[in-house]
Structures are given as structure tokens and as C-alpha cells.
Amino acid sequence: MKLKNWFNRGIALLLVVVLTVGISACKGSSAGKSSGSASGGVDFGGRPLIISIWSDSTIPSLGKSEAGDAAYYALEQAKKEFNCDIEWVILPESQYFDEFVKSSLSGSVYSNIALLHSNSILSWIKQGLVEPTDKFIGEDAEGHWNNTYANFKGVNYGLMPKAQNPTPYMLLYYNTRMIKELGLEDPQKLALENKWTWDVFRDYCAKATDKSKGTYGVSAFMLPDCLRYTNGAYLWTQGSDGKYYNAYSYKETNKNALELLELIQNMAIKDNSILGDRTGGVTAMDLALNTFTDGNLLFMYGQKGATLKAQGFTDYAPVTFPIGPSSTANYNMRDGFSIWGIPTTNDFPAEDLAKFWMYAQTTWDKNRGDAYYEPDTDEMIDALFASTYQRREDAEFVYEMGEKMPEKASLNSLLNLGSIEVNEIYYPVIVGQSTPAAVIEATNSVIQSRIDEVFNSK
């Protein structure tokens, strides 16, 4: 069966919608009253606050979902509480980021509150265009606010609640028929018991491989991303001196990277269990998808099981990435994100804007009336099952694992080193042209140069 390409497309727009709705945490009830003291004396005097976005789907509205209704009422309450109105400035992404920077650097106020994107957040932070927000969030004993996404050198620049009931952003899919025929224990069961490790994963892939039948354990496509985050094998790391370094070669993280590369080389050369030799690109993506849906591949990287279900493929289920030997946690990694921030070029005090925007996004306070929302986990599981998976227990697994996995963001995409990794690190390792240590040494200077340019430059 040949399916259409579906990996990693439209992520930015999806994240805007998800994170807007993800403001919430609890269930709507009666009238929308404000608490009466939330403003802390802040009064905007009826003036409009300008909020900049790149899609009108970000604007809370009624009638789409209970969470969306709560977000709408929370904003309406905030407008009344702080005595202000909202003026939405909407520009396409192709114009939004340039216009924001141009206005800010000229000293003109583009917006009082701005939606930020992972592709530009670091540049904006380094140019001093957005305010640090840790002082506004404070200790927050209940941990409602996200302080990991827009974080640079230990300082947070974002102002958005954590997603409630998060599900893993990146998963493996496995062929359920092959698992049964090989007599292997369900990977989901192992993951729930914290027994889903690199060793088990490698063993499963080896047992599924039979070149005479054309079957393989796992595709090369995106394989490093399925393994690196569960072993702390990141592309860059911050040193004790505050600077950023190539994590493949840095003394404190080199071991993690070597373990990753050695595993991939052993699976490719000794086990012959890896399908293909390129970890990125459309050709590698199509090879993985088509071999998987033909029933000849045990594991495949994926994010959108809904497409598999819609096309009638039935022998699949999700599992989280296996845990590496040097892992400290199985993080719920996000490679792209949107998050709210407060521009430094502003005509209102940042503290006042922070109070307003935090109140406008709070939907977990039972005293907020219509702005109070409590998600129904069973309903969300049913919806995910209906749209994406073959078994309800698959959706249950995804939610259960999501609760265990702390969220963390990656800014790897800013380095634009995809071709270096695919062609100069992983390809030589997979085909046996070079050793892990040798490819690390050969690519160290170009990777470090790019890290210096993106992270260490002022």
C-alpha cells in the first residue's frame, strides 16, 4: 500500500491552534464573573491592547470546543477586570516576523503582546526584543506556566500555560501483526513498565529482519531523532562557562553521542536491521512509509497515525521512543512551537501586561465561572481513538505516557545542520565508511562554527 507523505508538514500552524486551546485545564460551569482583585490595581483606562498573531485561528471564539469557550470567557473577563479592549494585528508569517523586528528596532510599538515562534525566538531574545518573564511567573507552586520552551541561558522569555493532558509529540509506530508473529511482548507494555530500552529495541529489530523475505526492523529515516532524545545525545550543549558547544564532541556529552552512533552502526552493520542509509529526505521518508504499510517493516518514525487510519491500514500501534543507557528522563520533545511574549518596545509596563495576559489565559480557577474548564480525559481518549488509532488502548497508552514525560523544547532546527547530520555523520556510520569517533572529529569544526554563529554570537 502506498500512502501520501504526511510527516512533519503544517506543524507551525497546528502548534498555534494547539497552544491556543492548550491554555486550559478545567470544566465550564455558570456565569462568567471575574474574581474582583486579579488586576492588582492595574487599570488600562479603556485603551486597547495590541496583540500580534499570524493566524486568526489563534483568537479565542465560542462554539468550537469547551476549551475554546473557556479561553474566550477568560479573555473577556480579563478585558473587564483590567479595563481594556483588544486590537488584533494579523499578518501572514511571511511578513509577520520581519515587520515585528523592523518596528521594534526603530523604536515603534508593533504590539503589546506578541506570538513568538521557535524559528525566530532566539534572534529576538539576543536582540533584546522580548522581555524576560521569570519574574512575572514567580515560583508558581502549582506549576501552571511553561518556562522551558522560550528559554535561553537559563532565562525564560515566554508567557503561556503548560499544556494540560499532554501527549507525546513524537512516537514510533510498530507493526502489530509482526510483533504477534514473532512472539514478542507488546512494546507498549514494556514502555509502561519502564522496560522499553535500546537493548530491547535492538533485539526486536534484529528478530524482525530477514533479507530473504525483505523484512527489516526499523527505517533509517529519522532514526537518530527516535534515539537521541532518550539518551541525552543532543546536537549542542551549554558548558559550565555559559557558552554552547558541539555536544557530539564536548567532553561531558561525548559519551552519550558515541553510544547513539555505535548503536546505529551495530544495528546497520552487525544486525542488518536498518532499512535504507539516509536518515532524512523525501526518498528516505517514502521508503519507510511504503515498506511499513506493505507490512515489511517493524518500526517506523511517525506523528500522524490519523493518515494511516484514514487510508485503511490496520496493523499499527504507537509506542514511545526506547530509553538509552545514559538517559535521565524520557522527555516529551517538541521541535517547533509557538509561545506568547511581551515586546520590550512597548507603551505599557511589562509587569502590567504580564498580569493581564496571565489572567486572560487562566482557565483552571474554579472561581472563574464560564472561564473554568476541566478536560474530560475519557472524551479526549475517545476522540483520539476515533481519529487516529485502531484500538482504544492505543489512545489510553499515549495519554498515560504523556503524563509521565516532562516537556522540553529543542532549537536544533535553528542550526540548519540537517544535511551535515544526514550525509556526513549518519550515512558514513550506517554504511560502515567511518567510525563514530571519526565522524565526530571530521564534522566538529563545522558544527561548532554554526553553534558559535547561532548561540554564542551577540
Protein backbone atom coordinates (compact mmCIF):
# COMPACT_ATOMS: atom_id res chain seq x y z
CA MET A 1 0.00 0.00 0.00
CA LYS A 2 1.41 3.39 -0.99
CA LEU A 3 0.35 6.31 1.16
CA LYS A 4 0.88 10.02 0.72
CA ASN A 5 3.68 11.80 2.52
CA TRP A 6 2.49 13.03 5.87
CA PHE A 7 5.50 13.61 8.11
CA ASN A 8 6.17 16.98 9.74
CA ARG A 9 4.03 19.17 7.49
CA GLY A 10 1.94 22.11 8.64
CA ILE A 11 3.46 21.88 12.14
CA ALA A 12 3.73 25.62 12.74
CA LEU A 13 0.02 26.31 12.09
CA LEU A 14 -1.02 23.27 14.07
CA LEU A 15 1.04 24.41 17.05
CA VAL A 16 -0.67 27.81 17.02
CA VAL A 17 -4.07 26.16 17.28
CA VAL A 18 -2.99 23.56 19.83
CA LEU A 19 -1.20 26.01 22.10
CA THR A 20 -4.09 28.49 21.95
CA VAL A 21 -6.55 25.84 23.03
CA GLY A 22 -3.92 24.32 25.36
CA ILE A 23 -4.37 27.33 27.63
CA SER A 24 -6.89 25.33 29.53
CA ALA A 25 -7.04 22.93 32.40
CA CYS A 26 -10.56 22.54 33.86
CA LYS A 27 -14.57 22.31 33.19
CA GLY A 28 -17.00 25.18 32.45
CA SER A 29 -19.91 25.96 34.72
CA SER A 30 -22.05 29.02 35.30
CA ALA A 31 -21.79 32.76 34.61
CA GLY A 32 -18.56 34.44 33.65
CA LYS A 33 -17.61 36.59 36.63
CA SER A 34 -14.16 37.87 37.43
CA SER A 35 -12.64 37.47 40.85
CA GLY A 36 -12.60 41.21 41.56
CA SER A 37 -8.97 41.58 42.61
CA ALA A 38 -7.00 39.89 39.87
CA SER A 39 -5.79 43.12 38.30
CA GLY A 40 -3.82 44.09 41.41
CA GLY A 41 -4.74 47.71 40.77
CA VAL A 42 -3.79 47.65 37.07
CA ASP A 43 -6.24 49.72 35.01
CA PHE A 44 -5.56 50.32 31.32
CA GLY A 45 -8.14 53.09 31.25
CA GLY A 46 -10.19 51.61 28.45
CA ARG A 47 -7.28 51.70 25.99
CA PRO A 48 -6.87 48.84 23.51
CA LEU A 49 -4.03 46.37 23.92
CA ILE A 50 -2.49 45.34 20.62
CA ILE A 51 -1.87 41.60 20.24
CA SER A 52 0.02 40.37 17.16
CA ILE A 53 -0.52 36.95 15.59
CA TRP A 54 -0.17 35.32 12.17
CA SER A 55 -3.45 33.36 12.07
CA ASP A 56 -6.96 34.35 13.14
CA SER A 57 -7.44 30.78 14.39
CA THR A 58 -5.43 31.93 17.42
CA ILE A 59 -8.24 34.26 18.53
CA PRO A 60 -10.47 32.56 21.15
CA SER A 61 -14.03 32.09 19.90
CA LEU A 62 -17.22 30.38 21.00
CA GLY A 63 -18.81 27.23 19.69
CA LYS A 64 -15.79 25.17 18.64
CA SER A 65 -14.99 23.33 21.87
CA GLU A 66 -15.45 23.60 25.62
CA ALA A 67 -11.78 24.52 25.98
CA GLY A 68 -12.15 27.21 23.33
CA ASP A 69 -15.26 28.58 25.05
CA ALA A 70 -13.38 28.80 28.35
CA ALA A 71 -10.49 30.60 26.65
CA TYR A 72 -12.95 33.09 25.15
CA TYR A 73 -14.59 33.84 28.51
CA ALA A 74 -11.21 34.08 30.25
CA LEU A 75 -10.17 36.79 27.81
CA GLU A 76 -13.48 38.61 28.15
CA GLN A 77 -13.16 38.57 31.93
CA ALA A 78 -9.61 39.91 31.68
CA LYS A 79 -10.75 42.79 29.45
CA LYS A 80 -13.36 43.74 32.03
CA GLU A 81 -11.07 43.22 35.03
CA PHE A 82 -8.24 45.31 33.60
CA ASN A 83 -10.48 47.84 31.81
CA CYS A 84 -9.20 47.41 28.28
CA ASP A 85 -10.09 46.18 24.83
CA ILE A 86 -8.12 44.07 22.33
CA GLU A 87 -6.88 45.03 18.89
CA TRP A 88 -5.66 42.02 16.95
CA VAL A 89 -2.91 42.59 14.39
CA ILE A 90 -2.77 39.71 11.92
CA LEU A 91 -0.09 39.33 9.26
CA PRO A 92 0.97 36.23 7.29
CA GLU A 93 4.09 34.52 8.60
CA SER A 94 5.97 35.72 5.53
CA GLN A 95 5.54 39.30 6.76
CA TYR A 96 4.91 39.00 10.48
CA PHE A 97 8.43 38.38 11.75
CA ASP A 98 10.11 40.99 9.57
CA GLU A 99 7.55 43.65 10.46
CA PHE A 100 7.88 42.94 14.17
CA VAL A 101 11.68 43.26 14.09
CA LYS A 102 11.67 46.35 11.88
CA SER A 103 9.17 48.18 14.09
CA SER A 104 10.83 47.15 17.34
CA LEU A 105 14.33 48.16 16.25
CA SER A 106 13.03 51.53 15.06
CA GLY A 107 11.50 52.17 18.46
CA SER A 108 7.91 51.82 17.24
CA VAL A 109 5.44 49.68 19.15
CA TYR A 110 4.35 46.85 16.90
CA SER A 111 2.28 45.12 19.56
CA ASN A 112 1.91 45.00 23.33
CA ILE A 113 1.72 41.19 23.41
CA ALA A 114 3.18 39.06 20.59
CA LEU A 115 3.01 35.47 19.49
CA LEU A 116 6.56 34.15 19.15
CA HIS A 117 7.82 31.21 17.11
CA SER A 118 10.72 28.84 17.75
CA ASN A 119 12.25 29.76 14.39
CA SER A 120 12.73 33.39 15.44
CA ILE A 121 12.64 33.42 19.24
CA LEU A 122 16.41 33.15 19.74
CA SER A 123 17.11 36.04 17.38
CA TRP A 124 14.52 38.19 19.14
CA ILE A 125 15.94 37.33 22.56
CA LYS A 126 19.51 38.17 21.52
CA GLN A 127 18.37 41.50 20.04
CA GLY A 128 16.57 42.33 23.28
CA LEU A 129 13.15 42.47 21.62
CA VAL A 130 11.23 40.43 24.21
CA GLU A 131 11.03 40.66 27.98
CA PRO A 132 12.31 38.01 30.41
CA THR A 133 9.25 36.59 32.13
CA ASP A 134 10.53 34.56 35.09
CA LYS A 135 9.86 37.44 37.48
CA PHE A 136 6.23 37.56 36.35
CA ILE A 137 5.64 33.82 36.66
CA GLY A 138 7.42 33.62 40.03
CA GLU A 139 7.62 30.36 41.89
CA ASP A 140 4.09 29.28 40.88
CA ALA A 141 3.75 26.34 43.25
CA GLU A 142 1.15 24.64 41.05
CA GLY A 143 3.42 24.78 38.04
CA HIS A 144 0.88 26.10 35.55
CA TRP A 145 3.29 28.14 33.44
CA ASN A 146 5.72 26.87 30.84
CA ASN A 147 9.29 28.03 31.46
CA THR A 148 11.17 25.59 29.21
CA TYR A 149 10.25 26.47 25.63
CA ALA A 150 11.48 30.06 25.20
CA ASN A 151 14.47 29.55 27.47
CA PHE A 152 17.97 30.85 26.71
CA LYS A 153 20.90 30.68 29.12
CA GLY A 154 18.54 29.74 31.93
CA VAL A 155 16.21 32.69 31.41
CA ASN A 156 12.59 32.27 30.29
CA TYR A 157 11.03 34.66 27.76
CA GLY A 158 7.65 33.01 27.26
CA LEU A 159 4.29 33.56 28.90
CA MET A 160 2.00 30.64 28.24
CA PRO A 161 0.45 27.91 30.40
CA LYS A 162 1.68 24.36 30.22
CA ALA A 163 -0.41 22.05 28.09
CA GLN A 164 -2.79 20.01 30.21
CA ASN A 165 -3.02 16.29 29.47
CA PRO A 166 -0.11 16.45 27.00
CA THR A 167 0.50 13.55 24.67
CA PRO A 168 3.92 12.62 23.25
CA TYR A 169 4.76 14.80 20.25
CA MET A 170 6.99 12.17 18.66
CA LEU A 171 6.35 8.44 18.55
CA LEU A 172 7.36 5.21 16.87
CA TYR A 173 4.74 3.11 15.12
CA TYR A 174 5.11 -0.65 15.14
CA ASN A 175 3.54 -3.39 13.07
CA THR A 176 1.23 -5.27 15.44
CA ARG A 177 0.96 -8.29 13.14
CA MET A 178 4.75 -8.72 13.02
CA ILE A 179 5.00 -8.39 16.82
CA LYS A 180 2.49 -11.23 17.26
CA GLU A 181 4.07 -13.46 14.59
CA LEU A 182 7.50 -13.04 16.19
CA GLY A 183 6.08 -13.84 19.63
CA LEU A 184 7.37 -10.56 21.09
CA GLU A 185 5.97 -8.79 24.10
CA ASP A 186 3.91 -5.69 23.29
CA PRO A 187 6.23 -2.63 23.28
CA GLN A 188 3.53 -0.55 24.96
CA LYS A 189 3.53 -2.88 27.96
CA LEU A 190 7.31 -2.60 28.22
CA ALA A 191 7.16 1.20 27.96
CA LEU A 192 4.58 1.44 30.74
CA GLU A 193 6.83 -0.73 32.92
CA ASN A 194 9.95 1.34 32.09
CA LYS A 195 11.48 -1.70 30.36
CA TRP A 196 11.43 -0.33 26.81
CA THR A 197 15.18 0.17 26.34
CA TRP A 198 17.68 0.44 23.49
CA ASP A 199 18.75 -3.17 24.09
CA VAL A 200 15.20 -4.47 23.77
CA PHE A 201 14.56 -2.29 20.74
CA ARG A 202 17.69 -3.55 19.02
CA ASP A 203 16.75 -7.15 19.78
CA TYR A 204 13.24 -6.67 18.37
CA CYS A 205 14.63 -5.10 15.20
CA ALA A 206 17.12 -7.95 14.71
CA LYS A 207 14.42 -10.59 15.12
CA ALA A 208 12.19 -8.87 12.57
CA THR A 209 14.95 -8.71 9.94
CA ASP A 210 15.01 -11.33 7.19
CA LYS A 211 16.54 -10.16 3.92
CA SER A 212 15.22 -13.24 2.09
CA LYS A 213 11.70 -12.03 2.90
CA GLY A 214 12.54 -8.37 2.53
CA THR A 215 11.67 -7.51 6.14
CA TYR A 216 13.53 -5.08 8.35
CA GLY A 217 13.44 -3.90 11.93
CA VAL A 218 13.42 -0.12 11.52
CA SER A 219 13.91 2.50 8.83
CA ALA A 220 16.90 4.83 8.81
CA PHE A 221 14.54 7.78 8.28
CA MET A 222 14.53 9.93 11.46
CA LEU A 223 16.12 7.09 13.45
CA PRO A 224 18.60 9.41 15.25
CA ASP A 225 15.69 11.51 16.50
CA CYS A 226 13.96 8.37 17.78
CA LEU A 227 17.04 7.60 19.88
CA ARG A 228 18.97 10.77 20.69
CA TYR A 229 16.45 12.43 22.99
CA THR A 230 16.17 9.33 25.16
CA ASN A 231 19.90 9.29 25.78
CA GLY A 232 20.67 12.98 26.21
CA ALA A 233 22.52 12.88 22.88
CA TYR A 234 21.72 16.41 21.77
CA LEU A 235 23.40 18.33 18.99
CA TRP A 236 24.52 21.18 21.23
CA THR A 237 25.00 21.72 24.95
CA GLN A 238 25.80 24.56 27.33
CA GLY A 239 29.15 24.38 29.08
CA SER A 240 29.94 25.44 32.64
CA ASP A 241 31.33 28.71 31.22
CA GLY A 242 27.91 29.62 29.81
CA LYS A 243 28.92 29.08 26.18
CA TYR A 244 27.39 26.50 23.85
CA TYR A 245 29.33 23.58 22.37
CA ASN A 246 29.01 20.70 19.93
CA ALA A 247 27.53 18.01 22.15
CA TYR A 248 28.93 15.26 19.94
CA SER A 249 32.47 16.27 20.87
CA TYR A 250 32.02 18.08 24.20
CA LYS A 251 33.75 16.11 26.97
CA GLU A 252 30.68 15.79 29.20
CA THR A 253 28.26 14.67 26.45
CA ASN A 254 30.57 12.87 24.00
CA LYS A 255 29.80 9.53 25.67
CA ASN A 256 26.06 9.97 25.01
CA ALA A 257 26.68 10.73 21.34
CA LEU A 258 29.08 7.82 20.90
CA GLU A 259 26.52 5.45 22.40
CA LEU A 260 23.96 6.71 19.89
CA LEU A 261 26.25 6.35 16.88
CA GLU A 262 27.59 2.98 17.98
CA LEU A 263 24.08 1.60 18.40
CA ILE A 264 23.08 2.74 14.92
CA GLN A 265 26.27 1.31 13.37
CA ASN A 266 25.85 -2.02 15.16
CA MET A 267 22.23 -2.29 14.03
CA ALA A 268 23.18 -1.43 10.46
CA ILE A 269 26.40 -3.44 10.06
CA LYS A 270 26.10 -6.34 12.50
CA ASP A 271 22.33 -6.85 12.56
CA ASN A 272 21.45 -5.58 9.06
CA SER A 273 18.19 -4.45 10.64
CA ILE A 274 18.07 -0.86 9.35
CA LEU A 275 16.20 -0.16 6.12
CA GLY A 276 17.95 2.43 3.95
CA ASP A 277 21.04 4.50 4.61
CA ARG A 278 19.71 8.08 4.72
CA THR A 279 18.17 9.45 7.89
CA GLY A 280 16.45 12.37 6.16
CA GLY A 281 14.91 13.44 2.87
CA VAL A 282 11.77 12.68 0.88
CA THR A 283 13.15 9.49 -0.67
CA ALA A 284 14.00 8.05 2.75
CA MET A 285 10.59 9.09 4.07
CA ASP A 286 8.74 7.40 1.21
CA LEU A 287 10.81 4.23 1.57
CA ALA A 288 9.97 3.99 5.26
CA LEU A 289 6.27 4.68 4.84
CA ASN A 290 5.74 2.36 1.89
CA THR A 291 7.70 -0.53 3.41
CA PHE A 292 5.80 -0.14 6.67
CA THR A 293 2.38 -0.13 5.01
CA ASP A 294 3.42 -3.09 2.86
CA GLY A 295 3.87 -5.00 6.12
CA ASN A 296 7.64 -5.46 5.85
CA LEU A 297 8.92 -3.03 8.49
CA LEU A 298 8.55 -3.47 12.24
CA PHE A 299 9.18 0.13 13.37
CA MET A 300 8.72 3.49 11.70
CA TYR A 301 9.04 7.06 12.95
CA GLY A 302 5.73 8.87 12.79
CA GLN A 303 3.50 11.60 14.11
CA LYS A 304 0.21 11.26 12.24
CA GLY A 305 -1.48 7.92 12.70
CA ALA A 306 -4.70 9.54 11.51
CA THR A 307 -3.45 9.25 7.94
CA LEU A 308 -2.74 5.55 8.38
CA LYS A 309 -6.23 5.00 9.76
CA ALA A 310 -7.91 7.08 7.05
CA GLN A 311 -6.14 5.05 4.35
CA GLY A 312 -7.33 1.77 5.83
CA PHE A 313 -4.05 0.41 7.21
CA THR A 314 -4.80 -1.55 10.37
CA ASP A 315 -1.64 -3.30 11.62
CA TYR A 316 -0.10 -0.43 13.58
CA ALA A 317 0.13 0.92 17.11
CA PRO A 318 2.12 3.71 18.81
CA VAL A 319 4.95 3.42 21.29
CA THR A 320 7.29 5.98 22.80
CA PHE A 321 10.98 6.02 21.94
CA PRO A 322 13.14 3.43 23.77
CA ILE A 323 15.30 4.59 26.68
CA GLY A 324 19.06 4.81 26.22
CA PRO A 325 21.77 3.70 28.67
CA SER A 326 22.70 7.26 29.71
CA SER A 327 19.17 8.59 29.91
CA THR A 328 18.00 10.62 32.89
CA ALA A 329 14.41 11.10 31.64
CA ASN A 330 12.18 10.31 28.71
CA TYR A 331 11.40 13.86 27.64
CA ASN A 332 8.38 14.86 25.60
CA MET A 333 10.38 16.77 22.99
CA ARG A 334 8.96 19.49 20.77
CA ASP A 335 11.00 20.63 17.78
CA GLY A 336 8.72 23.53 16.85
CA PHE A 337 6.48 25.69 18.98
CA SER A 338 4.67 28.97 19.37
CA ILE A 339 4.50 30.88 22.64
CA TRP A 340 3.38 34.29 23.85
CA GLY A 341 5.83 37.02 24.79
CA ILE A 342 5.93 40.68 25.78
CA PRO A 343 7.86 43.01 23.44
CA THR A 344 10.40 45.29 25.11
CA THR A 345 9.35 48.14 22.82
CA ASN A 346 6.06 48.90 24.47
CA ASP A 347 3.83 51.69 25.73
CA PHE A 348 2.60 49.76 28.77
CA PRO A 349 4.64 48.39 31.71
CA ALA A 350 5.66 44.79 31.10
CA GLU A 351 4.52 43.79 34.59
CA ASP A 352 1.02 45.13 33.94
CA LEU A 353 0.80 43.32 30.61
CA ALA A 354 2.01 40.10 32.21
CA LYS A 355 -0.66 40.28 34.91
CA PHE A 356 -3.33 40.85 32.27
CA TRP A 357 -2.17 38.10 29.91
CA MET A 358 -1.69 35.51 32.64
CA TYR A 359 -5.21 36.24 33.92
CA ALA A 360 -6.53 36.08 30.35
CA GLN A 361 -5.09 32.57 29.93
CA THR A 362 -6.14 31.13 33.29
CA THR A 363 -8.92 28.57 32.90
CA TRP A 364 -8.11 26.28 35.85
CA ASP A 365 -9.53 28.57 38.57
CA LYS A 366 -12.86 27.21 39.81
CA ASN A 367 -13.95 30.75 40.70
CA ARG A 368 -13.81 31.86 37.08
CA GLY A 369 -17.30 30.67 36.09
CA ASP A 370 -17.54 30.13 32.33
CA ALA A 371 -13.78 30.52 32.12
CA TYR A 372 -13.27 27.38 34.21
CA TYR A 373 -12.61 24.24 32.21
CA GLU A 374 -11.72 20.71 33.24
CA PRO A 375 -10.81 18.34 30.43
CA ASP A 376 -12.61 15.03 30.31
CA THR A 377 -9.83 12.52 29.75
CA ASP A 378 -12.18 9.78 28.64
CA GLU A 379 -13.67 12.05 25.99
CA MET A 380 -10.20 13.03 24.75
CA ILE A 381 -9.16 9.37 24.60
CA ASP A 382 -12.32 8.51 22.67
CA ALA A 383 -11.65 11.33 20.20
CA LEU A 384 -8.04 10.27 19.67
CA PHE A 385 -9.11 6.66 19.20
CA ALA A 386 -11.76 7.66 16.66
CA SER A 387 -9.40 9.84 14.63
CA THR A 388 -6.05 8.09 14.88
CA TYR A 389 -5.77 4.57 16.27
CA GLN A 390 -7.13 1.08 15.75
CA ARG A 391 -7.57 0.32 19.45
CA ARG A 392 -8.84 2.47 22.26
CA GLU A 393 -5.99 1.19 24.42
CA ASP A 394 -3.57 2.86 21.97
CA ALA A 395 -5.07 6.24 22.81
CA GLU A 396 -5.05 5.36 26.51
CA PHE A 397 -1.36 4.48 26.25
CA VAL A 398 -0.50 7.78 24.58
CA TYR A 399 -2.20 9.81 27.32
CA GLU A 400 -0.74 7.71 30.12
CA MET A 401 2.79 8.08 28.77
CA GLY A 402 2.26 11.80 28.19
CA GLU A 403 1.62 12.28 31.90
CA LYS A 404 4.99 10.71 32.73
CA MET A 405 7.12 12.66 30.25
CA PRO A 406 8.30 16.20 31.13
CA GLU A 407 8.07 18.58 28.21
CA LYS A 408 11.19 20.05 26.68
CA ALA A 409 11.84 22.09 23.56
CA SER A 410 14.63 21.74 21.04
CA LEU A 411 16.12 24.56 18.97
CA ASN A 412 18.17 22.20 16.79
CA SER A 413 16.41 23.43 13.66
CA LEU A 414 17.99 26.87 14.07
CA LEU A 415 21.40 25.38 13.30
CA ASN A 416 20.36 24.19 9.84
CA LEU A 417 22.71 21.22 10.10
CA GLY A 418 20.31 18.59 8.78
CA SER A 419 22.37 17.82 5.67
CA ILE A 420 25.58 17.59 7.72
CA GLU A 421 23.99 15.07 10.08
CA VAL A 422 22.35 13.05 7.32
CA ASN A 423 25.25 12.94 4.87
CA GLU A 424 28.42 13.42 6.93
CA ILE A 425 27.59 11.80 10.26
CA TYR A 426 24.90 9.14 9.94
CA TYR A 427 25.39 7.95 6.35
CA PRO A 428 29.10 7.05 6.87
CA VAL A 429 28.19 5.31 10.12
CA ILE A 430 25.30 3.33 8.63
CA VAL A 431 27.21 2.11 5.57
CA GLY A 432 30.40 1.46 7.54
CA GLN A 433 32.58 4.04 5.80
CA SER A 434 33.72 5.53 9.10
CA THR A 435 33.67 5.01 12.84
CA PRO A 436 31.55 7.08 15.24
CA ALA A 437 34.64 8.73 16.70
CA ALA A 438 35.96 9.62 13.25
CA VAL A 439 32.77 11.28 12.00
CA ILE A 440 32.55 13.30 15.20
CA GLU A 441 36.08 14.56 14.66
CA ALA A 442 35.53 15.24 10.95
CA THR A 443 32.42 17.36 11.48
CA ASN A 444 33.35 19.06 14.75
CA SER A 445 34.61 22.34 13.30
CA VAL A 446 31.64 23.00 11.02
CA ILE A 447 29.14 22.13 13.75
CA GLN A 448 30.92 24.26 16.35
CA SER A 449 31.18 27.14 13.89
CA ARG A 450 27.44 27.08 13.33
CA ILE A 451 26.75 26.83 17.07
CA ASP A 452 29.00 29.85 17.66
CA GLU A 453 27.16 31.78 14.99
CA VAL A 454 23.68 30.97 16.29
CA PHE A 455 24.09 30.65 20.06
CA ASN A 456 27.35 32.27 21.10
CA SER A 457 27.31 35.41 18.97
CA LYS A 458 25.82 38.62 20.33
